[in-house]
Amino acid sequence: MNPQAQGGWWSRNWKWFVPTGCLGLLAALLGFVALIVSIVFGAMKSSDAYKEALGRAQASPSVQQALGSPIEDGLIMSGSIQVNGPSGHADLSFPISGPKGRGTVYVVANKSAGQWTFTTLAAEIESSHERIDLLE
């Protein structure tokens, strides 16, 4: 009797290695994308324009009445912030929510001499589409 020749490692294990390797690469790619997104959103949320806009929305009696209290910010934002030393521009929108509902804060601001000046700062309530001016 001649024993059958044993194949190499690859010929014995390719059926589990190929799918596992592909899933591993896919998981690494998704992790990388999640890391980049969290860095970008973290940078935007750490900006003074975002912090001030969120603070004004949370302190607004009209927004508190419409959404309830406490008012929390959401995870996903859109827009852009460009800062170059003491000057810059921000054009953002981000979700907020409270016990009674949800809304969106819209921000357009310019930074000059280290100071942000808002040209647009409004909260739109999702259920009623009411816009609350936060500049007043």
N, C-alpha and C. Protein backbone atom coordinates (compact mmCIF):
# COMPACT_ATOMS: atom_id res chain seq x y z
N MET A 1 0.81 -1.19 0.00
CA MET A 1 0.00 0.00 0.00
C MET A 1 0.86 1.26 0.00
N ASN A 2 0.52 2.15 -0.88
CA ASN A 2 1.21 3.44 -0.94
C ASN A 2 0.34 4.51 -0.29
N PRO A 3 0.85 5.15 0.76
CA PRO A 3 0.06 6.23 1.35
C PRO A 3 -0.02 7.39 0.36
N GLN A 4 -1.19 8.07 0.38
CA GLN A 4 -1.34 9.23 -0.51
C GLN A 4 -0.41 10.34 -0.06
N ALA A 5 0.13 11.03 -0.99
CA ALA A 5 1.03 12.13 -0.67
C ALA A 5 0.24 13.27 -0.06
N GLN A 6 0.70 13.73 1.05
CA GLN A 6 0.06 14.88 1.72
C GLN A 6 0.44 16.15 0.95
N GLY A 7 -0.54 17.01 0.70
CA GLY A 7 -0.26 18.28 0.04
C GLY A 7 0.37 19.25 1.03
N GLY A 8 0.76 20.39 0.53
CA GLY A 8 1.33 21.42 1.39
C GLY A 8 0.25 22.12 2.21
N TRP A 9 0.68 23.08 3.02
CA TRP A 9 -0.23 23.81 3.90
C TRP A 9 -1.33 24.49 3.09
N TRP A 10 -0.97 25.12 2.01
CA TRP A 10 -1.95 25.85 1.20
C TRP A 10 -3.03 24.92 0.65
N SER A 11 -2.65 23.78 0.15
CA SER A 11 -3.64 22.87 -0.44
C SER A 11 -4.57 22.29 0.63
N ARG A 12 -4.11 22.20 1.87
CA ARG A 12 -4.97 21.70 2.95
C ARG A 12 -5.87 22.78 3.55
N ASN A 13 -5.48 24.05 3.50
CA ASN A 13 -6.16 25.10 4.26
C ASN A 13 -6.74 26.24 3.45
N TRP A 14 -6.66 26.21 2.14
CA TRP A 14 -7.10 27.35 1.35
C TRP A 14 -8.59 27.61 1.49
N LYS A 15 -9.40 26.60 1.77
CA LYS A 15 -10.85 26.77 1.81
C LYS A 15 -11.30 27.66 2.97
N TRP A 16 -10.57 27.71 4.04
CA TRP A 16 -10.93 28.62 5.13
C TRP A 16 -10.07 29.87 5.13
N PHE A 17 -8.86 29.78 4.57
CA PHE A 17 -7.96 30.92 4.61
C PHE A 17 -8.41 32.04 3.68
N VAL A 18 -8.88 31.70 2.49
CA VAL A 18 -9.28 32.73 1.51
C VAL A 18 -10.47 33.55 2.03
N PRO A 19 -11.59 32.93 2.48
CA PRO A 19 -12.69 33.75 2.99
C PRO A 19 -12.31 34.53 4.25
N THR A 20 -11.54 33.91 5.12
CA THR A 20 -11.12 34.60 6.35
C THR A 20 -10.22 35.78 6.01
N GLY A 21 -9.33 35.59 5.07
CA GLY A 21 -8.45 36.68 4.66
C GLY A 21 -9.22 37.83 4.03
N CYS A 22 -10.19 37.50 3.19
CA CYS A 22 -11.01 38.54 2.55
C CYS A 22 -11.83 39.31 3.59
N LEU A 23 -12.43 38.59 4.52
CA LEU A 23 -13.21 39.25 5.58
C LEU A 23 -12.31 40.10 6.47
N GLY A 24 -11.11 39.61 6.72
CA GLY A 24 -10.15 40.39 7.52
C GLY A 24 -9.77 41.69 6.84
N LEU A 25 -9.52 41.63 5.53
CA LEU A 25 -9.19 42.85 4.78
C LEU A 25 -10.37 43.82 4.75
N LEU A 26 -11.58 43.28 4.59
CA LEU A 26 -12.77 44.12 4.58
C LEU A 26 -12.97 44.78 5.95
N ALA A 27 -12.77 44.03 7.03
CA ALA A 27 -12.90 44.60 8.37
C ALA A 27 -11.85 45.67 8.61
N ALA A 28 -10.63 45.45 8.15
CA ALA A 28 -9.57 46.46 8.30
C ALA A 28 -9.91 47.73 7.52
N LEU A 29 -10.44 47.58 6.32
CA LEU A 29 -10.83 48.74 5.51
C LEU A 29 -11.96 49.52 6.18
N LEU A 30 -12.98 48.81 6.68
CA LEU A 30 -14.08 49.48 7.38
C LEU A 30 -13.59 50.17 8.64
N GLY A 31 -12.68 49.55 9.36
CA GLY A 31 -12.11 50.18 10.55
C GLY A 31 -11.35 51.44 10.21
N PHE A 32 -10.60 51.42 9.11
CA PHE A 32 -9.86 52.60 8.67
C PHE A 32 -10.80 53.74 8.30
N VAL A 33 -11.87 53.43 7.57
CA VAL A 33 -12.85 54.45 7.20
C VAL A 33 -13.51 55.02 8.45
N ALA A 34 -13.88 54.17 9.40
CA ALA A 34 -14.48 54.64 10.65
C ALA A 34 -13.53 55.55 11.42
N LEU A 35 -12.25 55.22 11.42
CA LEU A 35 -11.25 56.05 12.10
C LEU A 35 -11.16 57.43 11.45
N ILE A 36 -11.12 57.47 10.14
CA ILE A 36 -11.03 58.76 9.43
C ILE A 36 -12.28 59.60 9.70
N VAL A 37 -13.46 58.98 9.63
CA VAL A 37 -14.70 59.71 9.88
C VAL A 37 -14.73 60.26 11.31
N SER A 38 -14.31 59.45 12.27
CA SER A 38 -14.33 59.92 13.66
C SER A 38 -13.33 61.05 13.88
N ILE A 39 -12.19 61.02 13.21
CA ILE A 39 -11.22 62.11 13.32
C ILE A 39 -11.79 63.40 12.73
N VAL A 40 -12.43 63.30 11.56
CA VAL A 40 -13.00 64.49 10.91
C VAL A 40 -14.12 65.08 11.76
N PHE A 41 -15.08 64.23 12.20
CA PHE A 41 -16.18 64.74 13.02
C PHE A 41 -15.68 65.26 14.36
N GLY A 42 -14.67 64.61 14.92
CA GLY A 42 -14.10 65.09 16.18
C GLY A 42 -13.48 66.46 16.02
N ALA A 43 -12.79 66.68 14.92
CA ALA A 43 -12.20 68.00 14.67
C ALA A 43 -13.27 69.06 14.48
N MET A 44 -14.34 68.71 13.76
CA MET A 44 -15.41 69.69 13.55
C MET A 44 -16.12 69.99 14.87
N LYS A 45 -16.35 68.96 15.69
CA LYS A 45 -17.06 69.17 16.95
C LYS A 45 -16.21 69.89 17.99
N SER A 46 -14.90 69.91 17.80
CA SER A 46 -14.06 70.62 18.75
C SER A 46 -13.88 72.09 18.38
N SER A 47 -14.44 72.52 17.26
CA SER A 47 -14.30 73.91 16.84
C SER A 47 -15.14 74.83 17.72
N ASP A 48 -14.68 76.05 17.87
CA ASP A 48 -15.40 77.03 18.67
C ASP A 48 -16.76 77.39 18.07
N ALA A 49 -16.85 77.42 16.75
CA ALA A 49 -18.12 77.76 16.09
C ALA A 49 -19.17 76.70 16.42
N TYR A 50 -18.81 75.43 16.37
CA TYR A 50 -19.74 74.35 16.69
C TYR A 50 -20.15 74.41 18.17
N LYS A 51 -19.17 74.57 19.03
CA LYS A 51 -19.47 74.59 20.48
C LYS A 51 -20.40 75.74 20.84
N GLU A 52 -20.15 76.91 20.27
CA GLU A 52 -21.00 78.06 20.57
C GLU A 52 -22.40 77.88 20.01
N ALA A 53 -22.49 77.34 18.79
CA ALA A 53 -23.81 77.10 18.19
C ALA A 53 -24.61 76.09 19.01
N LEU A 54 -23.98 75.02 19.44
CA LEU A 54 -24.66 74.02 20.26
C LEU A 54 -25.07 74.61 21.60
N GLY A 55 -24.20 75.41 22.20
CA GLY A 55 -24.53 76.05 23.47
C GLY A 55 -25.72 76.98 23.37
N ARG A 56 -25.78 77.75 22.28
CA ARG A 56 -26.92 78.65 22.08
C ARG A 56 -28.22 77.87 21.86
N ALA A 57 -28.14 76.77 21.13
CA ALA A 57 -29.34 75.94 20.91
C ALA A 57 -29.81 75.32 22.22
N GLN A 58 -28.88 74.84 23.03
CA GLN A 58 -29.24 74.22 24.30
C GLN A 58 -29.79 75.24 25.30
N ALA A 59 -29.35 76.49 25.21
CA ALA A 59 -29.80 77.52 26.14
C ALA A 59 -31.07 78.24 25.69
N SER A 60 -31.49 78.04 24.45
CA SER A 60 -32.65 78.75 23.92
C SER A 60 -33.94 78.23 24.54
N PRO A 61 -34.72 79.13 25.17
CA PRO A 61 -36.01 78.70 25.72
C PRO A 61 -36.97 78.18 24.65
N SER A 62 -36.93 78.75 23.46
CA SER A 62 -37.82 78.29 22.38
C SER A 62 -37.47 76.87 21.94
N VAL A 63 -36.18 76.57 21.82
CA VAL A 63 -35.76 75.24 21.43
C VAL A 63 -36.08 74.25 22.54
N GLN A 64 -35.86 74.66 23.79
CA GLN A 64 -36.18 73.78 24.92
C GLN A 64 -37.68 73.47 24.98
N GLN A 65 -38.50 74.47 24.68
CA GLN A 65 -39.94 74.26 24.68
C GLN A 65 -40.35 73.29 23.57
N ALA A 66 -39.73 73.42 22.40
CA ALA A 66 -40.10 72.57 21.27
C ALA A 66 -39.55 71.15 21.39
N LEU A 67 -38.33 70.99 21.91
CA LEU A 67 -37.69 69.68 21.95
C LEU A 67 -37.61 69.07 23.34
N GLY A 68 -37.85 69.85 24.36
CA GLY A 68 -37.69 69.36 25.72
C GLY A 68 -36.25 69.53 26.17
N SER A 69 -36.01 69.13 27.40
CA SER A 69 -34.67 69.29 27.96
C SER A 69 -34.27 67.98 28.63
N PRO A 70 -33.08 67.52 28.51
CA PRO A 70 -31.89 68.14 27.93
C PRO A 70 -31.86 67.99 26.40
N ILE A 71 -31.14 68.90 25.78
CA ILE A 71 -30.96 68.87 24.33
C ILE A 71 -29.56 68.31 24.06
N GLU A 72 -29.52 67.27 23.26
CA GLU A 72 -28.26 66.59 22.92
C GLU A 72 -27.94 66.79 21.44
N ASP A 73 -26.66 66.76 21.12
CA ASP A 73 -26.27 66.83 19.71
C ASP A 73 -26.21 65.42 19.14
N GLY A 74 -26.29 65.33 17.82
CA GLY A 74 -26.24 64.05 17.13
C GLY A 74 -24.82 63.70 16.73
N LEU A 75 -24.69 62.53 16.13
CA LEU A 75 -23.36 62.05 15.74
C LEU A 75 -22.89 62.60 14.40
N ILE A 76 -23.78 62.70 13.45
CA ILE A 76 -23.40 63.03 12.09
C ILE A 76 -23.59 64.54 11.84
N MET A 77 -22.58 65.16 11.26
CA MET A 77 -22.68 66.56 10.89
C MET A 77 -22.38 66.68 9.40
N SER A 78 -22.75 67.82 8.85
CA SER A 78 -22.37 68.08 7.46
C SER A 78 -21.92 69.53 7.37
N GLY A 79 -21.14 69.79 6.36
CA GLY A 79 -20.65 71.14 6.15
C GLY A 79 -19.14 71.18 6.16
N SER A 80 -18.62 72.38 6.38
CA SER A 80 -17.17 72.54 6.37
C SER A 80 -16.76 73.64 7.33
N ILE A 81 -15.54 73.51 7.81
CA ILE A 81 -14.91 74.55 8.63
C ILE A 81 -13.49 74.73 8.09
N GLN A 82 -13.16 75.97 7.77
CA GLN A 82 -11.80 76.30 7.37
C GLN A 82 -11.30 77.37 8.32
N VAL A 83 -10.23 77.07 9.02
CA VAL A 83 -9.63 78.03 9.94
C VAL A 83 -8.16 78.17 9.57
N ASN A 84 -7.72 79.42 9.46
CA ASN A 84 -6.33 79.72 9.18
C ASN A 84 -5.88 80.77 10.17
N GLY A 85 -5.39 80.31 11.31
CA GLY A 85 -4.98 81.23 12.36
C GLY A 85 -6.16 81.98 12.93
N PRO A 86 -6.12 83.32 12.90
CA PRO A 86 -7.20 84.10 13.49
C PRO A 86 -8.40 84.33 12.57
N SER A 87 -8.39 83.75 11.38
CA SER A 87 -9.52 83.94 10.46
C SER A 87 -10.05 82.57 10.03
N GLY A 88 -11.29 82.59 9.54
CA GLY A 88 -11.87 81.34 9.09
C GLY A 88 -13.31 81.49 8.68
N HIS A 89 -13.90 80.37 8.26
CA HIS A 89 -15.29 80.32 7.82
C HIS A 89 -15.87 78.97 8.20
N ALA A 90 -17.12 78.97 8.66
CA ALA A 90 -17.82 77.74 9.01
C ALA A 90 -19.19 77.75 8.36
N ASP A 91 -19.56 76.64 7.77
CA ASP A 91 -20.88 76.45 7.17
C ASP A 91 -21.29 75.02 7.55
N LEU A 92 -22.10 74.90 8.59
CA LEU A 92 -22.41 73.60 9.19
C LEU A 92 -23.90 73.38 9.35
N SER A 93 -24.26 72.12 9.47
CA SER A 93 -25.57 71.73 9.97
C SER A 93 -25.36 70.47 10.79
N PHE A 94 -26.06 70.39 11.91
CA PHE A 94 -25.94 69.21 12.76
C PHE A 94 -27.26 68.95 13.47
N PRO A 95 -27.54 67.68 13.74
CA PRO A 95 -28.80 67.32 14.38
C PRO A 95 -28.76 67.54 15.89
N ILE A 96 -29.90 67.89 16.44
CA ILE A 96 -30.08 67.96 17.88
C ILE A 96 -31.36 67.20 18.22
N SER A 97 -31.46 66.78 19.46
CA SER A 97 -32.67 66.07 19.86
C SER A 97 -32.91 66.27 21.34
N GLY A 98 -34.17 66.13 21.71
CA GLY A 98 -34.60 66.21 23.09
C GLY A 98 -35.69 65.18 23.31
N PRO A 99 -36.24 65.13 24.51
CA PRO A 99 -37.29 64.14 24.80
C PRO A 99 -38.55 64.29 23.94
N LYS A 100 -38.81 65.51 23.45
CA LYS A 100 -40.04 65.75 22.69
C LYS A 100 -39.86 65.66 21.18
N GLY A 101 -38.62 65.63 20.68
CA GLY A 101 -38.44 65.60 19.24
C GLY A 101 -37.02 65.86 18.81
N ARG A 102 -36.89 66.09 17.51
CA ARG A 102 -35.58 66.32 16.91
C ARG A 102 -35.59 67.58 16.06
N GLY A 103 -34.39 68.05 15.76
CA GLY A 103 -34.25 69.22 14.92
C GLY A 103 -32.86 69.28 14.32
N THR A 104 -32.61 70.35 13.59
CA THR A 104 -31.32 70.58 12.95
C THR A 104 -30.90 72.01 13.19
N VAL A 105 -29.64 72.19 13.53
CA VAL A 105 -29.08 73.53 13.70
C VAL A 105 -28.27 73.87 12.46
N TYR A 106 -28.51 75.06 11.92
CA TYR A 106 -27.80 75.56 10.74
C TYR A 106 -26.92 76.72 11.16
N VAL A 107 -25.65 76.67 10.73
CA VAL A 107 -24.66 77.66 11.15
C VAL A 107 -23.89 78.17 9.94
N VAL A 108 -23.80 79.47 9.82
CA VAL A 108 -22.87 80.11 8.89
C VAL A 108 -22.18 81.19 9.71
N ALA A 109 -20.84 81.09 9.77
CA ALA A 109 -20.09 82.03 10.61
C ALA A 109 -18.75 82.35 9.96
N ASN A 110 -18.25 83.52 10.27
CA ASN A 110 -16.93 83.94 9.83
C ASN A 110 -16.10 84.29 11.05
N LYS A 111 -14.82 83.96 10.97
CA LYS A 111 -13.90 84.27 12.06
C LYS A 111 -12.94 85.34 11.60
N SER A 112 -12.87 86.40 12.36
CA SER A 112 -11.97 87.49 12.05
C SER A 112 -11.34 87.97 13.35
N ALA A 113 -10.02 88.12 13.34
CA ALA A 113 -9.27 88.54 14.52
C ALA A 113 -9.57 87.63 15.71
N GLY A 114 -9.74 86.34 15.44
CA GLY A 114 -9.95 85.36 16.50
C GLY A 114 -11.36 85.28 17.04
N GLN A 115 -12.30 86.04 16.48
CA GLN A 115 -13.67 86.09 16.98
C GLN A 115 -14.64 85.58 15.92
N TRP A 116 -15.52 84.63 16.30
CA TRP A 116 -16.54 84.13 15.38
C TRP A 116 -17.74 85.08 15.38
N THR A 117 -18.21 85.42 14.18
CA THR A 117 -19.41 86.21 14.00
C THR A 117 -20.38 85.38 13.16
N PHE A 118 -21.57 85.14 13.72
CA PHE A 118 -22.56 84.31 13.06
C PHE A 118 -23.43 85.16 12.14
N THR A 119 -23.55 84.73 10.89
CA THR A 119 -24.48 85.39 9.98
C THR A 119 -25.80 84.61 9.93
N THR A 120 -25.72 83.31 10.14
CA THR A 120 -26.90 82.45 10.24
C THR A 120 -26.70 81.51 11.41
N LEU A 121 -27.69 81.47 12.28
CA LEU A 121 -27.69 80.52 13.39
C LEU A 121 -29.15 80.25 13.72
N ALA A 122 -29.64 79.12 13.24
CA ALA A 122 -31.06 78.81 13.39
C ALA A 122 -31.24 77.32 13.67
N ALA A 123 -32.30 77.02 14.42
CA ALA A 123 -32.68 75.64 14.68
C ALA A 123 -34.01 75.38 14.00
N GLU A 124 -34.07 74.32 13.22
CA GLU A 124 -35.31 73.93 12.57
C GLU A 124 -35.85 72.69 13.28
N ILE A 125 -37.09 72.80 13.75
CA ILE A 125 -37.75 71.70 14.45
C ILE A 125 -38.33 70.76 13.41
N GLU A 126 -38.00 69.47 13.53
CA GLU A 126 -38.38 68.49 12.50
C GLU A 126 -39.89 68.33 12.35
N SER A 127 -40.61 68.26 13.46
CA SER A 127 -42.04 67.95 13.39
C SER A 127 -42.87 69.10 12.80
N SER A 128 -42.52 70.34 13.14
CA SER A 128 -43.32 71.48 12.70
C SER A 128 -42.65 72.30 11.60
N HIS A 129 -41.40 72.02 11.29
CA HIS A 129 -40.59 72.78 10.34
C HIS A 129 -40.47 74.24 10.74
N GLU A 130 -40.68 74.52 12.00
CA GLU A 130 -40.51 75.88 12.54
C GLU A 130 -39.01 76.18 12.63
N ARG A 131 -38.64 77.39 12.20
CA ARG A 131 -37.25 77.85 12.31
C ARG A 131 -37.15 78.82 13.46
N ILE A 132 -36.25 78.52 14.37
CA ILE A 132 -36.01 79.38 15.55
C ILE A 132 -34.69 80.08 15.36
N ASP A 133 -34.73 81.41 15.31
CA ASP A 133 -33.52 82.21 15.14
C ASP A 133 -32.76 82.24 16.47
N LEU A 134 -31.53 81.76 16.45
CA LEU A 134 -30.72 81.72 17.68
C LEU A 134 -29.80 82.91 17.80
N LEU A 135 -29.89 83.86 16.88
CA LEU A 135 -29.05 85.06 16.94
C LEU A 135 -29.65 86.12 17.86
N GLU A 136 -30.93 86.01 18.16
CA GLU A 136 -31.59 87.04 18.97
C GLU A 136 -31.20 86.91 20.42
